[in-house]
C-alpha atoms as a PDB file:
ATOM      1  CA  MET A   1    -151.034 116.711  88.203  1.00  0.00           C
ATOM      2  CA  THR A   2    -150.781 116.648  84.417  1.00  0.00           C
ATOM      3  CA  ASP A   3    -147.404 115.842  82.840  1.00  0.00           C
ATOM      4  CA  SER A   4    -148.285 117.636  79.601  1.00  0.00           C
ATOM      5  CA  PRO A   5    -151.399 119.530  78.494  1.00  0.00           C
ATOM      6  CA  ARG A   6    -152.937 117.230  75.873  1.00  0.00           C
ATOM      7  CA  ILE A   7    -156.333 117.272  74.245  1.00  0.00           C
ATOM      8  CA  HIS A   8    -157.676 114.400  72.140  1.00  0.00           C
ATOM      9  CA  LEU A   9    -159.335 115.612  68.944  1.00  0.00           C
ATOM     10  CA  GLY A  10    -159.872 112.333  67.067  1.00  0.00           C
ATOM     11  CA  ALA A  11    -163.580 112.001  67.854  1.00  0.00           C
ATOM     12  CA  LEU A  12    -164.142 115.703  67.145  1.00  0.00           C
ATOM     13  CA  MET A  13    -162.485 115.355  63.743  1.00  0.00           C
ATOM     14  CA  ARG A  14    -164.699 112.370  62.944  1.00  0.00           C
ATOM     15  CA  SER A  15    -167.745 114.539  63.752  1.00  0.00           C
ATOM     16  CA  THR A  16    -168.900 112.197  66.499  1.00  0.00           C
ATOM     17  CA  LEU A  17    -168.641 114.980  69.097  1.00  0.00           C
ATOM     18  CA  ASP A  18    -169.550 118.675  69.103  1.00  0.00           C
ATOM     19  CA  ASP A  19    -166.518 119.661  71.146  1.00  0.00           C
ATOM     20  CA  ALA A  20    -163.481 118.310  72.980  1.00  0.00           C
ATOM     21  CA  GLN A  21    -162.316 119.395  76.425  1.00  0.00           C
ATOM     22  CA  ALA A  22    -159.248 119.058  78.611  1.00  0.00           C
ATOM     23  CA  GLU A  23    -158.250 120.369  82.007  1.00  0.00           C
ATOM     24  CA  GLY A  24    -155.564 119.823  84.566  1.00  0.00           C
ATOM     25  CA  HIS A  25    -152.721 121.422  86.532  1.00  0.00           C
ATOM     26  CA  LEU A  26    -149.155 122.027  85.389  1.00  0.00           C
ATOM     27  CA  ASP A  27    -146.106 122.613  87.589  1.00  0.00           C
ATOM     28  CA  HIS A  28    -143.959 123.520  84.556  1.00  0.00           C
ATOM     29  CA  LEU A  29    -143.998 123.715  80.774  1.00  0.00           C
ATOM     30  CA  GLN A  30    -141.321 122.520  78.383  1.00  0.00           C
ATOM     31  CA  TYR A  31    -140.995 123.743  74.813  1.00  0.00           C
ATOM     32  CA  GLU A  32    -138.423 123.884  72.024  1.00  0.00           C
ATOM     33  CA  GLN A  33    -136.679 127.126  71.086  1.00  0.00           C
ATOM     34  CA  GLY A  34    -133.662 127.402  68.833  1.00  0.00           C
ATOM     35  CA  GLY A  35    -133.230 123.647  68.898  1.00  0.00           C
ATOM     36  CA  GLU A  36    -132.972 123.594  72.707  1.00  0.00           C
ATOM     37  CA  THR A  37    -135.499 122.584  75.355  1.00  0.00           C
ATOM     38  CA  GLN A  38    -136.665 125.516  77.485  1.00  0.00           C
ATOM     39  CA  THR A  39    -138.631 125.305  80.737  1.00  0.00           C
ATOM     40  CA  LEU A  40    -141.166 127.657  82.278  1.00  0.00           C
ATOM     41  CA  ARG A  41    -141.373 127.148  86.046  1.00  0.00           C
ATOM     42  CA  PHE A  42    -144.470 127.772  88.135  1.00  0.00           C
ATOM     43  CA  ALA A  43    -144.622 128.516  91.860  1.00  0.00           C
ATOM     44  CA  SER A  44    -147.611 126.218  92.313  1.00  0.00           C
ATOM     45  CA  PRO A  45    -149.641 123.853  90.106  1.00  0.00           C
ATOM     46  CA  ALA A  46    -151.217 126.058  87.435  1.00  0.00           C
ATOM     47  CA  PRO A  47    -154.805 125.202  86.404  1.00  0.00           C
ATOM     48  CA  PHE A  48    -155.812 125.166  82.752  1.00  0.00           C
ATOM     49  CA  GLU A  49    -159.111 124.543  80.972  1.00  0.00           C
ATOM     50  CA  VAL A  50    -159.370 124.102  77.213  1.00  0.00           C
ATOM     51  CA  GLU A  51    -162.333 123.550  74.891  1.00  0.00           C
ATOM     52  CA  VAL A  52    -162.123 122.991  71.138  1.00  0.00           C
ATOM     53  CA  ASN A  53    -165.130 123.362  68.798  1.00  0.00           C
ATOM     54  CA  THR A  54    -165.247 122.342  65.163  1.00  0.00           C
ATOM     55  CA  LEU A  55    -165.805 125.022  62.510  1.00  0.00           C
ATOM     56  CA  GLY A  56    -166.211 122.576  59.680  1.00  0.00           C
ATOM     57  CA  GLY A  57    -163.652 120.920  57.457  1.00  0.00           C
ATOM     58  CA  SER A  58    -160.184 120.980  58.968  1.00  0.00           C
ATOM     59  CA  GLU A  59    -160.717 124.146  61.008  1.00  0.00           C
ATOM     60  CA  MET A  60    -161.508 124.422  64.704  1.00  0.00           C
ATOM     61  CA  TYR A  61    -161.470 127.019  67.454  1.00  0.00           C
ATOM     62  CA  LEU A  62    -159.735 126.685  70.820  1.00  0.00           C
ATOM     63  CA  GLN A  63    -160.723 128.695  73.867  1.00  0.00           C
ATOM     64  CA  GLY A  64    -160.078 128.455  77.577  1.00  0.00           C
ATOM     65  CA  SER A  65    -158.012 129.806  80.436  1.00  0.00           C
ATOM     66  CA  PHE A  66    -154.634 129.295  82.082  1.00  0.00           C
ATOM     67  CA  GLU A  67    -153.615 130.752  85.460  1.00  0.00           C
ATOM     68  CA  PRO A  68    -149.939 130.170  86.188  1.00  0.00           C
ATOM     69  CA  VAL A  69    -147.797 131.855  88.831  1.00  0.00           C
ATOM     70  CA  LEU A  70    -144.734 132.176  86.642  1.00  0.00           C
ATOM     71  CA  ILE A  71    -141.274 132.194  88.226  1.00  0.00           C
ATOM     72  CA  MET A  72    -139.052 134.810  86.590  1.00  0.00           C
ATOM     73  CA  GLU A  73    -135.605 136.121  87.501  1.00  0.00           C
ATOM     74  CA  CYS A  74    -135.093 139.582  88.975  1.00  0.00           C
ATOM     75  CA  ALA A  75    -133.486 141.689  86.242  1.00  0.00           C
ATOM     76  CA  ARG A  76    -130.831 142.987  88.670  1.00  0.00           C
ATOM     77  CA  CYS A  77    -129.978 140.230  91.143  1.00  0.00           C
ATOM     78  CA  LEU A  78    -131.442 137.106  89.478  1.00  0.00           C
ATOM     79  CA  ARG A  79    -133.553 136.138  92.507  1.00  0.00           C
ATOM     80  CA  ASP A  80    -136.767 134.233  91.801  1.00  0.00           C
ATOM     81  CA  VAL A  81    -139.825 136.460  91.440  1.00  0.00           C
ATOM     82  CA  GLU A  82    -143.370 135.070  91.405  1.00  0.00           C
ATOM     83  CA  VAL A  83    -145.535 136.636  88.694  1.00  0.00           C
ATOM     84  CA  PRO A  84    -149.245 135.662  88.785  1.00  0.00           C
ATOM     85  CA  LEU A  85    -150.935 135.654  85.374  1.00  0.00           C
ATOM     86  CA  GLU A  86    -154.485 135.167  84.134  1.00  0.00           C
ATOM     87  CA  VAL A  87    -154.217 134.065  80.517  1.00  0.00           C
ATOM     88  CA  GLU A  88    -157.294 133.956  78.303  1.00  0.00           C
ATOM     89  CA  LEU A  89    -156.853 131.397  75.535  1.00  0.00           C
ATOM     90  CA  GLY A  90    -158.352 131.763  72.085  1.00  0.00           C
ATOM     91  CA  THR A  91    -157.021 130.777  68.671  1.00  0.00           C
ATOM     92  CA  LEU A  92    -158.069 129.295  65.354  1.00  0.00           C
ATOM     93  CA  MET A  93    -156.791 125.776  64.642  1.00  0.00           C
ATOM     94  CA  ARG A  94    -156.193 123.877  61.444  1.00  0.00           C
ATOM     95  CA  TYR A  95    -155.482 120.190  60.948  1.00  0.00           C
ATOM     96  CA  ASP A  96    -152.620 119.476  58.549  1.00  0.00           C
ATOM     97  CA  PRO A  97    -151.440 115.824  58.554  1.00  0.00           C
ATOM     98  CA  SER A  98    -148.029 116.910  57.225  1.00  0.00           C
ATOM     99  CA  ALA A  99    -147.282 118.974  60.357  1.00  0.00           C
ATOM    100  CA  GLU A 100    -144.780 117.026  62.449  1.00  0.00           C
ATOM    101  CA  GLN A 101    -145.025 119.424  65.401  1.00  0.00           C
ATOM    102  CA  PRO A 102    -147.731 121.968  66.326  1.00  0.00           C
ATOM    103  CA  TYR A 103    -146.818 125.508  65.288  1.00  0.00           C
ATOM    104  CA  LEU A 104    -148.391 128.938  64.991  1.00  0.00           C
ATOM    105  CA  GLU A 105    -148.669 130.729  61.666  1.00  0.00           C
ATOM    106  CA  GLU A 106    -150.324 133.951  60.593  1.00  0.00           C
ATOM    107  CA  ALA A 107    -153.482 133.680  58.526  1.00  0.00           C
ATOM    108  CA  GLU A 108    -154.378 136.093  55.712  1.00  0.00           C
ATOM    109  CA  SER A 109    -156.643 137.896  58.173  1.00  0.00           C
ATOM    110  CA  GLY A 110    -153.632 138.556  60.397  1.00  0.00           C
ATOM    111  CA  GLU A 111    -154.898 136.199  63.071  1.00  0.00           C
ATOM    112  CA  GLU A 112    -152.651 133.429  64.353  1.00  0.00           C
ATOM    113  CA  VAL A 113    -153.580 129.837  63.558  1.00  0.00           C
ATOM    114  CA  LEU A 114    -152.402 126.795  65.502  1.00  0.00           C
ATOM    115  CA  VAL A 115    -151.508 124.146  62.911  1.00  0.00           C
ATOM    116  CA  PHE A 116    -151.271 120.540  64.094  1.00  0.00           C
ATOM    117  CA  GLY A 117    -150.879 117.093  62.535  1.00  0.00           C
ATOM    118  CA  ASP A 118    -151.459 114.726  65.467  1.00  0.00           C
ATOM    119  CA  PRO A 119    -155.076 114.501  66.767  1.00  0.00           C
ATOM    120  CA  ASP A 120    -153.551 113.759  70.178  1.00  0.00           C
ATOM    121  CA  LEU A 121    -152.494 117.388  70.475  1.00  0.00           C
ATOM    122  CA  ASP A 122    -149.804 118.507  72.928  1.00  0.00           C
ATOM    123  CA  LEU A 123    -150.531 122.139  73.840  1.00  0.00           C
ATOM    124  CA  SER A 124    -147.210 122.760  75.648  1.00  0.00           C
ATOM    125  CA  ALA A 125    -145.686 125.017  72.994  1.00  0.00           C
ATOM    126  CA  TYR A 126    -148.922 126.969  72.522  1.00  0.00           C
ATOM    127  CA  LEU A 127    -149.414 127.526  76.259  1.00  0.00           C
ATOM    128  CA  ALA A 128    -145.748 128.476  76.707  1.00  0.00           C
ATOM    129  CA  GLU A 129    -145.828 131.062  73.919  1.00  0.00           C
ATOM    130  CA  THR A 130    -149.130 132.509  75.120  1.00  0.00           C
ATOM    131  CA  THR A 131    -147.787 132.724  78.676  1.00  0.00           C
ATOM    132  CA  LEU A 132    -144.627 134.530  77.549  1.00  0.00           C
ATOM    133  CA  LEU A 133    -146.678 137.002  75.517  1.00  0.00           C
ATOM    134  CA  ASN A 134    -148.698 137.831  78.640  1.00  0.00           C
ATOM    135  CA  ALA A 135    -145.687 138.038  80.976  1.00  0.00           C
ATOM    136  CA  PRO A 136    -143.750 141.270  81.596  1.00  0.00           C
ATOM    137  CA  LEU A 137    -140.427 141.609  79.768  1.00  0.00           C
ATOM    138  CA  SER A 138    -138.556 142.016  83.063  1.00  0.00           C
ATOM    139  CA  VAL A 139    -139.303 142.143  86.790  1.00  0.00           C
ATOM    140  CA  LEU A 140    -137.601 143.256  90.002  1.00  0.00           C
ATOM    141  CA  HIS A 141    -137.917 141.409  93.297  1.00  0.00           C
ATOM    142  CA  ASP A 142    -137.863 144.866  94.941  1.00  0.00           C
ATOM    143  CA  GLU A 143    -137.853 148.368  93.473  1.00  0.00           C
ATOM    144  CA  ALA A 144    -134.797 149.143  95.610  1.00  0.00           C
ATOM    145  CA  CYS A 145    -132.872 146.063  94.424  1.00  0.00           C
ATOM    146  CA  ARG A 146    -129.137 146.868  94.387  1.00  0.00           C
ATOM    147  CA  GLY A 147    -128.234 144.142  91.914  1.00  0.00           C
ATOM    148  CA  LEU A 148    -124.988 142.175  91.692  1.00  0.00           C
ATOM    149  CA  CYS A 149    -121.385 143.337  91.886  1.00  0.00           C
ATOM    150  CA  GLN A 150    -120.064 143.641  88.342  1.00  0.00           C
ATOM    151  CA  VAL A 151    -116.713 142.190  89.460  1.00  0.00           C
ATOM    152  CA  CYS A 152    -117.444 139.218  91.732  1.00  0.00           C
ATOM    153  CA  GLY A 153    -121.205 138.691  91.344  1.00  0.00           C
ATOM    154  CA  HIS A 154    -121.933 139.268  95.054  1.00  0.00           C
ATOM    155  CA  ASP A 155    -125.585 140.054  95.805  1.00  0.00           C
ATOM    156  CA  LEU A 156    -125.389 143.653  97.003  1.00  0.00           C
ATOM    157  CA  ASN A 157    -128.798 143.345  98.707  1.00  0.00           C
ATOM    158  CA  GLU A 158    -126.993 141.237 101.321  1.00  0.00           C
ATOM    159  CA  GLY A 159    -124.396 143.928 101.996  1.00  0.00           C
ATOM    160  CA  PRO A 160    -121.446 145.613 100.295  1.00  0.00           C
ATOM    161  CA  CYS A 161    -118.418 143.809  98.925  1.00  0.00           C
ATOM    162  CA  GLU A 162    -114.779 144.842  98.684  1.00  0.00           C
ATOM    163  CA  HIS A 163    -115.235 146.047  95.114  1.00  0.00           C
ATOM    164  CA  MET A 164    -117.619 148.784  96.225  1.00  0.00           C
ATOM    165  CA  ALA A 165    -114.785 150.717  97.902  1.00  0.00           C
ATOM    166  CA  GLN A 166    -113.852 153.800  95.879  1.00  0.00           C
ATOM    167  CA  VAL A 167    -110.316 154.157  94.572  1.00  0.00           C
ATOM    168  CA  PRO A 168    -108.571 157.189  96.167  1.00  0.00           C
ATOM    169  CA  VAL A 169    -108.402 160.194  93.855  1.00  0.00           C
ATOM    170  CA  GLU A 170    -104.636 160.529  94.396  1.00  0.00           C
ATOM    171  CA  GLU A 171    -104.135 156.998  93.076  1.00  0.00           C
ATOM    172  CA  ILE A 172    -106.209 157.784  90.005  1.00  0.00           C
ATOM    173  CA  ASP A 173    -104.130 160.916  89.434  1.00  0.00           C
ATOM    174  CA  ASP A 174    -100.835 159.064  89.657  1.00  0.00           C
ATOM    175  CA  GLU A 175    -101.764 156.262  87.271  1.00  0.00           C
ATOM    176  CA  LEU A 176    -104.174 157.812  84.791  1.00  0.00           C
ATOM    177  CA  GLY A 177    -104.030 161.534  85.281  1.00  0.00           C
ATOM    178  CA  THR A 178    -106.866 163.610  86.655  1.00  0.00           C
ATOM    179  CA  PRO A 179    -110.187 162.560  85.103  1.00  0.00           C
ATOM    180  CA  ALA A 180    -111.768 165.370  83.125  1.00  0.00           C
ATOM    181  CA  GLY A 181    -114.617 167.014  85.018  1.00  0.00           C
ATOM    182  CA  SER A 182    -113.801 165.209  88.282  1.00  0.00           C
ATOM    183  CA  LEU A 183    -114.308 166.863  91.624  1.00  0.00           C
ATOM    184  CA  HIS A 184    -110.575 166.556  92.239  1.00  0.00           C
ATOM    185  CA  ALA A 185    -109.871 168.698  89.195  1.00  0.00           C
ATOM    186  CA  LYS A 186    -112.121 171.411  90.641  1.00  0.00           C
ATOM    187  CA  GLN A 187    -110.829 171.377  94.218  1.00  0.00           C
ATOM    188  CA  ASN A 188    -108.587 174.415  93.722  1.00  0.00           C
ATOM    189  CA  PRO A 189    -110.028 176.778  91.117  1.00  0.00           C
ATOM    190  CA  PHE A 190    -107.139 179.236  91.654  1.00  0.00           C
ATOM    191  CA  ALA A 191    -104.339 176.753  90.978  1.00  0.00           C
ATOM    192  CA  ALA A 192    -104.272 177.558  87.277  1.00  0.00           C
ATOM    193  CA  LEU A 193    -103.702 181.294  88.014  1.00  0.00           C
ATOM    194  CA  ALA A 194    -100.134 180.558  88.990  1.00  0.00           C
ATOM    195  CA  ASP A 195     -99.271 179.844  85.353  1.00  0.00           C
ATOM    196  CA  LEU A 196    -100.950 182.928  83.947  1.00  0.00           C
ATOM    197  CA  LYS A 197     -98.768 185.718  82.572  1.00  0.00           C
ATOM    198  CA  LEU A 198    -100.134 189.220  82.973  1.00  0.00           C
ATOM    199  CA  PRO A 199     -99.657 191.560  80.005  1.00  0.00           C
ATOM    200  CA  GLU A 200     -96.736 193.915  80.362  1.00  0.00           C
ATOM    201  CA  ASP A 201     -97.406 197.628  80.507  1.00  0.00           C
END
C-alpha cells in the first residue's frame, strides 16, 4: 500500500535517466481545496502507474493509468455508491523551483500543465483532480431511490415515516383556506350555482 503517490524526478532532471516511473495502490487520496483538506475514498486499493519522460529543459510529459473504485454519496439518500473508473493520465509538466505546491495551469496552447517545484513530486492533487473530472456529477444507489424525509431525515427506502401522512383537506381549509386548483375545490362543481342570480324578465 502506498501512503501517497510520489515520483522521484531528481535523476531525470539531471539527465542521468531517460524516464522515471512509479506505481502502487491507494486506498484514498487527500488534497487541499478552499484551504481545507478533502478526501477521496476508494472501495478497494486503487492501482496506479505513472511514467515521466523529459522533453528537454524544464519540461516533461507524464502518462499512465489510475483505476479507482470511487465511493460517492447517493444524491437522494446519501448512501455509499461504488463508482469504478478507468482514468488515463497524460499531462505536460514544467519544473519551477518557486512553486511551493504542485498546481495545474493552462498553457498558451490551451493544454493544462502540471507545475512543480519539488523533484520529489507528490501526485495526490493531480490524481484527485483527474479522478473528479472523470467521475459523474451525481449518482443514485438505485434508480427507484426514495430519498430522505425533508423533515426528519429518515431514509424512506427503509419505509415511510410519520411525516409522509397527508394532512386532511378539511384541516387545510380551516387554517389556510382551500388551495387554488386543489381537488377539494373541484369536488362539487355545482356549489357555486347557488350564488348565481338569474336575470329578471
